[in-house]
Amino acid sequence: MKNQFHLDITTPCSENFDQFSPTSNGGFCGSCEKEVIDFSVMTTEDIITFFKTKATQNTCGRFNNNQLKTYNVESKKNKRIGFITTIGLTCLAFFSSFTAQAQDTVKAIAQKNNKSEIKASKFVKNIVVKGNVTENNMPLPGANVVLEGTTIGVATDFDGNFEFPEKLKIGDILIISYIGMESQKIVIENKDADLNIALNIDMKADACIIMGKVAVKDVYKSKRN
């Protein structure tokens, strides 16, 4: 297998290890002029680490009989690290998913609240409406500004300016009228209700219609003989 290696000595050496010159890892053989590694004092993990870090294939060593076997490259430490890594990745995935769901929830709540606020604002009378009425770029005093379906209204002043006496809401309709002029309907669409309204002469009107109280007077007639 890829993660295993086998140790074996095909040609045992007849030299006496006890007569070698001591080195940091074992002893020096004068016959072959090589360092002989003393694996007999090493643990399994030390042997695996040695052969993983040493690239040379010509290693002379001293082993116990039970050390000449197949070794698993994966150590317990690596398994533990792999287990911890797996737990870490799982936690990271969980918290990433939780964060994404939380962000989606907050976004959905914000959108719902915005829609609710927009919907509620359509039924709240909080808009101050004012403006100016002109005819042929000239101020039109005395023009009537009335809320459709009611008798609530106001007339423009000498300069054609007006301010509606009550606050309105989005969707309300104002009717602007003047004798001999075409009436206009203005829909309140937003909070910026500073209106500039120009009226035109009603070309269809043949005569002005005046309403009011009728005064009746007796007509004097002379007597004939």
Protein backbone atom coordinates (compact mmCIF):
# COMPACT_ATOMS: atom_id res chain seq x y z
CA MET A 1 0.00 0.00 0.00
CA LYS A 2 1.08 3.59 -0.57
CA ASN A 3 1.08 4.44 3.14
CA GLN A 4 3.17 1.44 4.23
CA PHE A 5 6.78 0.28 3.93
CA HIS A 6 8.52 -2.98 4.87
CA LEU A 7 11.89 -3.36 6.61
CA ASP A 8 14.06 -6.40 5.95
CA ILE A 9 17.81 -7.27 5.96
CA THR A 10 18.63 -9.60 3.03
CA THR A 11 22.38 -9.85 3.76
CA PRO A 12 23.20 -9.67 7.49
CA CYS A 13 26.56 -8.08 8.42
CA SER A 14 29.08 -10.08 10.47
CA GLU A 15 30.83 -7.07 11.99
CA ASN A 16 30.70 -6.50 15.76
CA PHE A 17 28.60 -3.38 16.47
CA ASP A 18 30.11 -3.03 19.96
CA GLN A 19 33.53 -2.38 18.42
CA PHE A 20 32.30 0.48 16.18
CA SER A 21 33.28 4.05 16.93
CA PRO A 22 30.25 5.69 18.60
CA THR A 23 28.31 8.29 16.57
CA SER A 24 25.25 10.42 17.32
CA ASN A 25 22.90 7.83 15.73
CA GLY A 26 24.80 4.59 16.29
CA GLY A 27 28.36 3.58 15.36
CA PHE A 28 30.88 3.93 12.51
CA CYS A 29 31.91 0.74 10.67
CA GLY A 30 35.58 0.82 9.61
CA SER A 31 35.14 -2.04 7.10
CA CYS A 32 32.50 -0.41 4.88
CA GLU A 33 33.25 3.10 6.12
CA LYS A 34 29.61 3.88 6.85
CA GLU A 35 27.58 4.93 9.81
CA VAL A 36 25.39 2.13 11.16
CA ILE A 37 22.15 3.46 12.62
CA ASP A 38 21.10 1.83 15.88
CA PHE A 39 17.34 1.29 15.31
CA SER A 40 17.16 -1.16 18.19
CA VAL A 41 16.82 1.73 20.65
CA MET A 42 14.21 3.57 18.58
CA THR A 43 10.43 3.45 18.89
CA THR A 44 8.13 2.65 16.00
CA GLU A 45 7.35 6.35 15.49
CA ASP A 46 11.10 7.19 15.41
CA ILE A 47 11.76 4.53 12.76
CA ILE A 48 8.87 5.79 10.60
CA THR A 49 10.07 9.39 10.94
CA PHE A 50 13.65 8.39 10.01
CA PHE A 51 12.70 6.65 6.78
CA LYS A 52 10.22 9.40 5.84
CA THR A 53 12.90 12.11 6.15
CA LYS A 54 15.87 10.19 4.73
CA ALA A 55 15.94 9.92 0.97
CA THR A 56 18.95 7.55 0.79
CA GLN A 57 18.29 3.83 0.11
CA ASN A 58 21.69 2.64 1.30
CA THR A 59 21.11 2.76 5.05
CA CYS A 60 22.97 0.38 7.34
CA GLY A 61 21.15 -0.33 10.56
CA ARG A 62 20.95 -2.44 13.66
CA PHE A 63 17.50 -3.88 14.44
CA ASN A 64 15.75 -6.21 16.81
CA ASN A 65 14.04 -9.15 15.10
CA ASN A 66 10.57 -7.82 15.88
CA GLN A 67 11.42 -4.48 14.20
CA LEU A 68 11.84 -6.07 10.76
CA LYS A 69 8.24 -5.82 9.64
CA THR A 70 5.75 -3.72 7.69
CA TYR A 71 5.21 -0.20 9.04
CA ASN A 72 2.17 2.03 8.69
CA VAL A 73 3.19 5.54 7.69
CA GLU A 74 0.17 7.17 9.36
CA SER A 75 0.90 7.85 13.01
CA LYS A 76 -1.60 8.31 15.84
CA LYS A 77 -0.72 11.98 15.91
CA ASN A 78 -1.69 12.38 12.25
CA LYS A 79 -4.96 10.56 12.87
CA ARG A 80 -5.70 12.89 15.74
CA ILE A 81 -4.91 15.93 13.61
CA GLY A 82 -7.12 14.56 10.83
CA PHE A 83 -9.96 14.03 13.29
CA ILE A 84 -9.59 17.57 14.69
CA THR A 85 -9.42 18.98 11.15
CA THR A 86 -12.61 17.14 10.24
CA ILE A 87 -14.38 18.55 13.30
CA GLY A 88 -13.11 22.05 12.46
CA LEU A 89 -14.33 21.86 8.87
CA THR A 90 -17.71 20.56 10.05
CA CYS A 91 -18.08 23.42 12.53
CA LEU A 92 -17.00 25.94 9.90
CA ALA A 93 -19.59 24.60 7.45
CA PHE A 94 -22.29 24.68 10.16
CA PHE A 95 -21.55 28.26 11.21
CA SER A 96 -21.28 29.38 7.56
CA SER A 97 -24.69 27.86 6.87
CA PHE A 98 -26.11 29.40 10.07
CA THR A 99 -24.69 32.83 9.16
CA ALA A 100 -26.14 32.63 5.64
CA GLN A 101 -29.57 31.64 7.01
CA ALA A 102 -29.41 34.44 9.59
CA GLN A 103 -28.55 37.00 6.90
CA ASP A 104 -31.42 35.76 4.71
CA THR A 105 -33.80 35.98 7.69
CA VAL A 106 -32.70 39.54 8.55
CA LYS A 107 -33.04 40.55 4.91
CA ALA A 108 -36.54 39.05 4.67
CA ILE A 109 -37.61 40.82 7.88
CA ALA A 110 -36.21 44.13 6.62
CA GLN A 111 -38.05 43.77 3.31
CA LYS A 112 -41.27 42.90 5.13
CA ASN A 113 -40.90 45.90 7.43
CA ASN A 114 -40.21 48.21 4.48
CA LYS A 115 -43.32 46.96 2.68
CA SER A 116 -45.36 47.41 5.85
CA GLU A 117 -44.08 50.97 6.30
CA ILE A 118 -44.84 51.84 2.67
CA LYS A 119 -48.30 50.30 2.94
CA ALA A 120 -49.00 52.10 6.22
CA SER A 121 -47.81 55.45 4.86
CA LYS A 122 -50.53 55.33 2.20
CA PHE A 123 -53.18 55.60 4.90
CA VAL A 124 -51.53 58.26 7.07
CA LYS A 125 -52.46 61.90 6.53
CA ASN A 126 -49.06 63.52 7.02
CA ILE A 127 -48.50 65.49 3.81
CA VAL A 128 -48.64 69.28 3.80
CA VAL A 129 -49.75 70.42 0.34
CA LYS A 130 -49.05 73.88 -0.96
CA GLY A 131 -48.50 75.38 -4.37
CA ASN A 132 -49.08 78.10 -6.93
CA VAL A 133 -51.74 78.41 -9.65
CA THR A 134 -51.08 80.41 -12.82
CA GLU A 135 -52.67 81.19 -16.15
CA ASN A 136 -50.42 82.11 -19.05
CA ASN A 137 -47.52 82.48 -16.57
CA MET A 138 -49.51 85.00 -14.55
CA PRO A 139 -50.69 84.40 -10.93
CA LEU A 140 -54.35 83.39 -10.74
CA PRO A 141 -55.97 84.68 -7.53
CA GLY A 142 -59.27 83.21 -6.38
CA ALA A 143 -58.77 79.74 -7.94
CA ASN A 144 -60.47 76.97 -5.97
CA VAL A 145 -58.45 73.98 -4.66
CA VAL A 146 -60.81 71.29 -3.33
CA LEU A 147 -60.26 67.71 -2.11
CA GLU A 148 -62.25 65.41 -4.41
CA GLY A 149 -65.41 64.01 -2.82
CA THR A 150 -65.45 66.61 -0.04
CA THR A 151 -66.21 70.27 0.54
CA ILE A 152 -62.78 70.88 2.07
CA GLY A 153 -60.80 73.41 0.09
CA VAL A 154 -59.01 76.71 -0.16
CA ALA A 155 -58.74 79.63 -2.60
CA THR A 156 -55.49 81.04 -3.95
CA ASP A 157 -54.32 84.41 -2.68
CA PHE A 158 -53.47 87.52 -4.71
CA ASP A 159 -50.19 85.93 -5.87
CA GLY A 160 -51.84 82.62 -6.81
CA ASN A 161 -50.39 80.80 -3.77
CA PHE A 162 -52.25 78.39 -1.52
CA GLU A 163 -51.71 75.98 1.34
CA PHE A 164 -54.29 73.25 1.82
CA PRO A 165 -55.98 73.55 5.25
CA GLU A 166 -55.63 69.84 6.09
CA LYS A 167 -52.84 67.31 5.76
CA LEU A 168 -53.37 64.78 2.99
CA LYS A 169 -52.21 61.25 2.24
CA ILE A 170 -50.80 59.52 -0.82
CA GLY A 171 -53.54 58.88 -3.36
CA ASP A 172 -55.70 61.90 -2.47
CA ILE A 173 -56.94 63.95 -5.44
CA LEU A 174 -57.17 67.74 -5.57
CA ILE A 175 -59.42 69.52 -8.06
CA ILE A 176 -58.22 72.97 -9.15
CA SER A 177 -60.85 75.10 -10.87
CA TYR A 178 -61.54 78.67 -11.94
CA ILE A 179 -64.38 80.27 -13.88
CA GLY A 180 -63.72 80.00 -17.60
CA MET A 181 -60.72 77.70 -17.12
CA GLU A 182 -60.30 73.98 -17.63
CA SER A 183 -60.26 72.19 -14.27
CA GLN A 184 -57.32 69.99 -13.36
CA LYS A 185 -57.01 66.95 -11.13
CA ILE A 186 -53.80 66.52 -9.19
CA VAL A 187 -52.99 63.15 -7.52
CA ILE A 188 -50.80 63.29 -4.41
CA GLU A 189 -48.06 60.73 -5.16
CA ASN A 190 -45.33 61.49 -2.63
CA LYS A 191 -44.44 63.64 0.35
CA ASP A 192 -42.95 66.36 -1.84
CA ALA A 193 -46.25 68.12 -2.46
CA ASP A 194 -45.10 71.58 -3.59
CA LEU A 195 -47.32 72.02 -6.64
CA ASN A 196 -47.06 74.36 -9.59
CA ILE A 197 -50.34 74.29 -11.53
CA ALA A 198 -51.11 76.08 -14.78
CA LEU A 199 -54.74 76.42 -15.89
CA ASN A 200 -55.85 76.98 -19.49
CA ILE A 201 -58.86 78.78 -20.84
CA ASP A 202 -61.80 76.44 -21.48
CA MET A 203 -62.32 76.79 -25.24
CA LYS A 204 -65.53 74.68 -25.09
CA ALA A 205 -67.34 77.09 -22.81
CA ASP A 206 -69.63 79.43 -24.76
CA ALA A 207 -70.52 81.49 -21.73
CA CYS A 208 -69.67 81.80 -18.10
CA ILE A 209 -72.10 80.23 -15.65
CA ILE A 210 -72.62 82.24 -12.48
CA MET A 211 -74.37 80.80 -9.45
CA GLY A 212 -75.82 82.73 -6.51
CA LYS A 213 -78.98 84.10 -4.88
CA VAL A 214 -81.50 85.51 -7.35
CA ALA A 215 -82.87 88.96 -6.58
CA VAL A 216 -86.47 89.56 -7.83
CA LYS A 217 -87.61 93.14 -8.41
CA ASP A 218 -91.02 94.50 -9.50
CA VAL A 219 -91.07 96.22 -12.87
CA TYR A 220 -93.06 99.54 -12.98
CA LYS A 221 -95.71 99.77 -15.68
CA SER A 222 -97.64 102.89 -16.65
CA LYS A 223 -101.43 102.86 -16.78
CA ARG A 224 -103.13 103.30 -20.10
CA ASN A 225 -106.41 104.99 -20.54
